[in-house]
Structure formats: C-alpha cells, structure tokens
Amino acid sequence: MLRLEGIAASAVHRAAALAKVLSPFGTAEILEDAASVAIWSSVRDVAPFAAKGALGAWPVCADCLSAGVRGCVRRGLGARTPAAT
C-alpha cells in the first residue's frame, strides 16, 4: 500500500506511472477520498491489531525491540522497568 500526496494532478500522474511500473506484480487499486481516508485512519489506529480488530491484540516482545523503542513503549504505557536481577 502506497500513499501519494501533493497537488491532485501530480498525484494522479504519479499513481498512473506507479501502476504501470508495478503491473507485473498485479493490478493497482487506487483509493480516493472517503475510501482512502478510511483505510489510512485504520492504519493510523492499528485497527486490525486492536482488541476487537480482525487480528486481535498482539503482544509485543520487549526483548525483540531496541533499547530506545523499549523505553518509548514503556513510557507510553506508564510501565516501570523491571528491577535488574
């Protein structure tokens, strides 16, 4: 899924060019207006992974994340860092 932004005429031209270049991989579907807003809102909200989403809530393995990402996640969730053993 790609998102093209900018002046409408330019976005339309770029979308057509991308569709042509990517045609060996399948047919491109171009979403406009309400459909585009809906799908990008879903991506922003991580809707498929939300508790009632199609994929259900997925746990995150903190050990798999970089130290910086772990810190941001912990701060964002108000979690405390476990005591070192």
Protein backbone atom coordinates (compact mmCIF):
# COMPACT_ATOMS: atom_id res chain seq x y z
CA MET A 1 0.00 0.00 0.00
CA LEU A 2 1.39 3.35 -1.03
CA ARG A 3 0.17 6.83 -0.21
CA LEU A 4 0.69 9.64 -2.69
CA GLU A 5 0.20 13.22 -1.58
CA GLY A 6 0.52 16.61 -3.18
CA ILE A 7 -1.17 18.52 -5.97
CA ALA A 8 -4.01 16.39 -7.36
CA ALA A 9 -2.80 16.43 -10.97
CA SER A 10 0.69 15.39 -9.88
CA ALA A 11 -0.64 12.61 -7.63
CA VAL A 12 -2.82 11.26 -10.44
CA HIS A 13 0.17 11.25 -12.82
CA ARG A 14 2.42 9.53 -10.28
CA ALA A 15 -0.27 6.96 -9.47
CA ALA A 16 -0.62 6.06 -13.15
CA ALA A 17 3.16 5.79 -13.55
CA LEU A 18 3.46 3.58 -10.44
CA ALA A 19 0.58 1.38 -11.60
CA LYS A 20 2.37 0.83 -14.91
CA VAL A 21 5.74 0.07 -13.30
CA LEU A 22 4.21 -2.28 -10.73
CA SER A 23 1.84 -4.02 -13.18
CA PRO A 24 4.00 -7.18 -13.36
CA PHE A 25 3.08 -7.71 -9.69
CA GLY A 26 -0.66 -7.28 -10.16
CA THR A 27 -3.32 -4.70 -10.81
CA ALA A 28 -3.12 -1.49 -8.82
CA GLU A 29 -6.20 -0.31 -7.00
CA ILE A 30 -6.46 3.42 -6.46
CA LEU A 31 -8.49 4.56 -3.47
CA GLU A 32 -9.78 8.09 -3.46
CA ASP A 33 -11.47 10.39 -0.99
CA ALA A 34 -13.57 8.58 1.66
CA ALA A 35 -12.11 5.12 0.99
CA SER A 36 -8.58 6.48 1.27
CA VAL A 37 -9.36 8.36 4.48
CA ALA A 38 -10.94 5.23 5.97
CA ILE A 39 -8.03 2.90 5.21
CA TRP A 40 -5.34 5.35 6.35
CA SER A 41 -7.28 6.01 9.57
CA SER A 42 -7.31 2.25 10.12
CA VAL A 43 -3.54 2.12 9.58
CA ARG A 44 -3.01 5.06 11.95
CA ASP A 45 -5.15 3.42 14.62
CA VAL A 46 -3.62 -0.04 14.04
CA ALA A 47 -7.25 -1.20 13.83
CA PRO A 48 -6.59 -4.79 12.64
CA PHE A 49 -4.49 -5.38 15.77
CA ALA A 50 -6.79 -3.63 18.24
CA ALA A 51 -8.55 -5.84 20.80
CA LYS A 52 -11.69 -6.13 18.66
CA GLY A 53 -9.89 -5.99 15.30
CA ALA A 54 -9.73 -8.79 12.77
CA LEU A 55 -6.30 -9.95 14.00
CA GLY A 56 -6.93 -9.42 17.72
CA ALA A 57 -4.50 -7.86 20.14
CA TRP A 58 -0.92 -8.96 19.57
CA PRO A 59 1.56 -8.95 22.43
CA VAL A 60 4.87 -7.21 21.84
CA CYS A 61 8.09 -8.91 22.86
CA ALA A 62 10.05 -6.15 24.57
CA ASP A 63 13.28 -8.15 24.24
CA CYS A 64 12.85 -8.01 20.45
CA LEU A 65 12.79 -4.21 20.40
CA SER A 66 15.75 -1.87 20.50
CA ALA A 67 16.51 -0.20 23.82
CA GLY A 68 15.21 3.14 22.54
CA VAL A 69 11.94 1.66 21.33
CA ARG A 70 11.50 -0.29 24.57
CA GLY A 71 11.90 2.93 26.54
CA CYS A 72 9.34 4.77 24.42
CA VAL A 73 6.85 1.91 24.74
CA ARG A 74 7.33 1.68 28.49
CA ARG A 75 6.94 5.44 28.96
CA GLY A 76 3.91 5.48 26.67
CA LEU A 77 2.25 2.69 28.62
CA GLY A 78 3.29 4.08 32.00
CA ALA A 79 5.19 0.86 32.68
CA ARG A 80 8.04 0.56 35.11
CA THR A 81 11.32 -1.05 34.15
CA PRO A 82 11.76 -4.38 35.98
CA ALA A 83 14.48 -4.45 38.60
CA ALA A 84 17.76 -5.91 37.40
CA THR A 85 18.48 -9.40 38.70
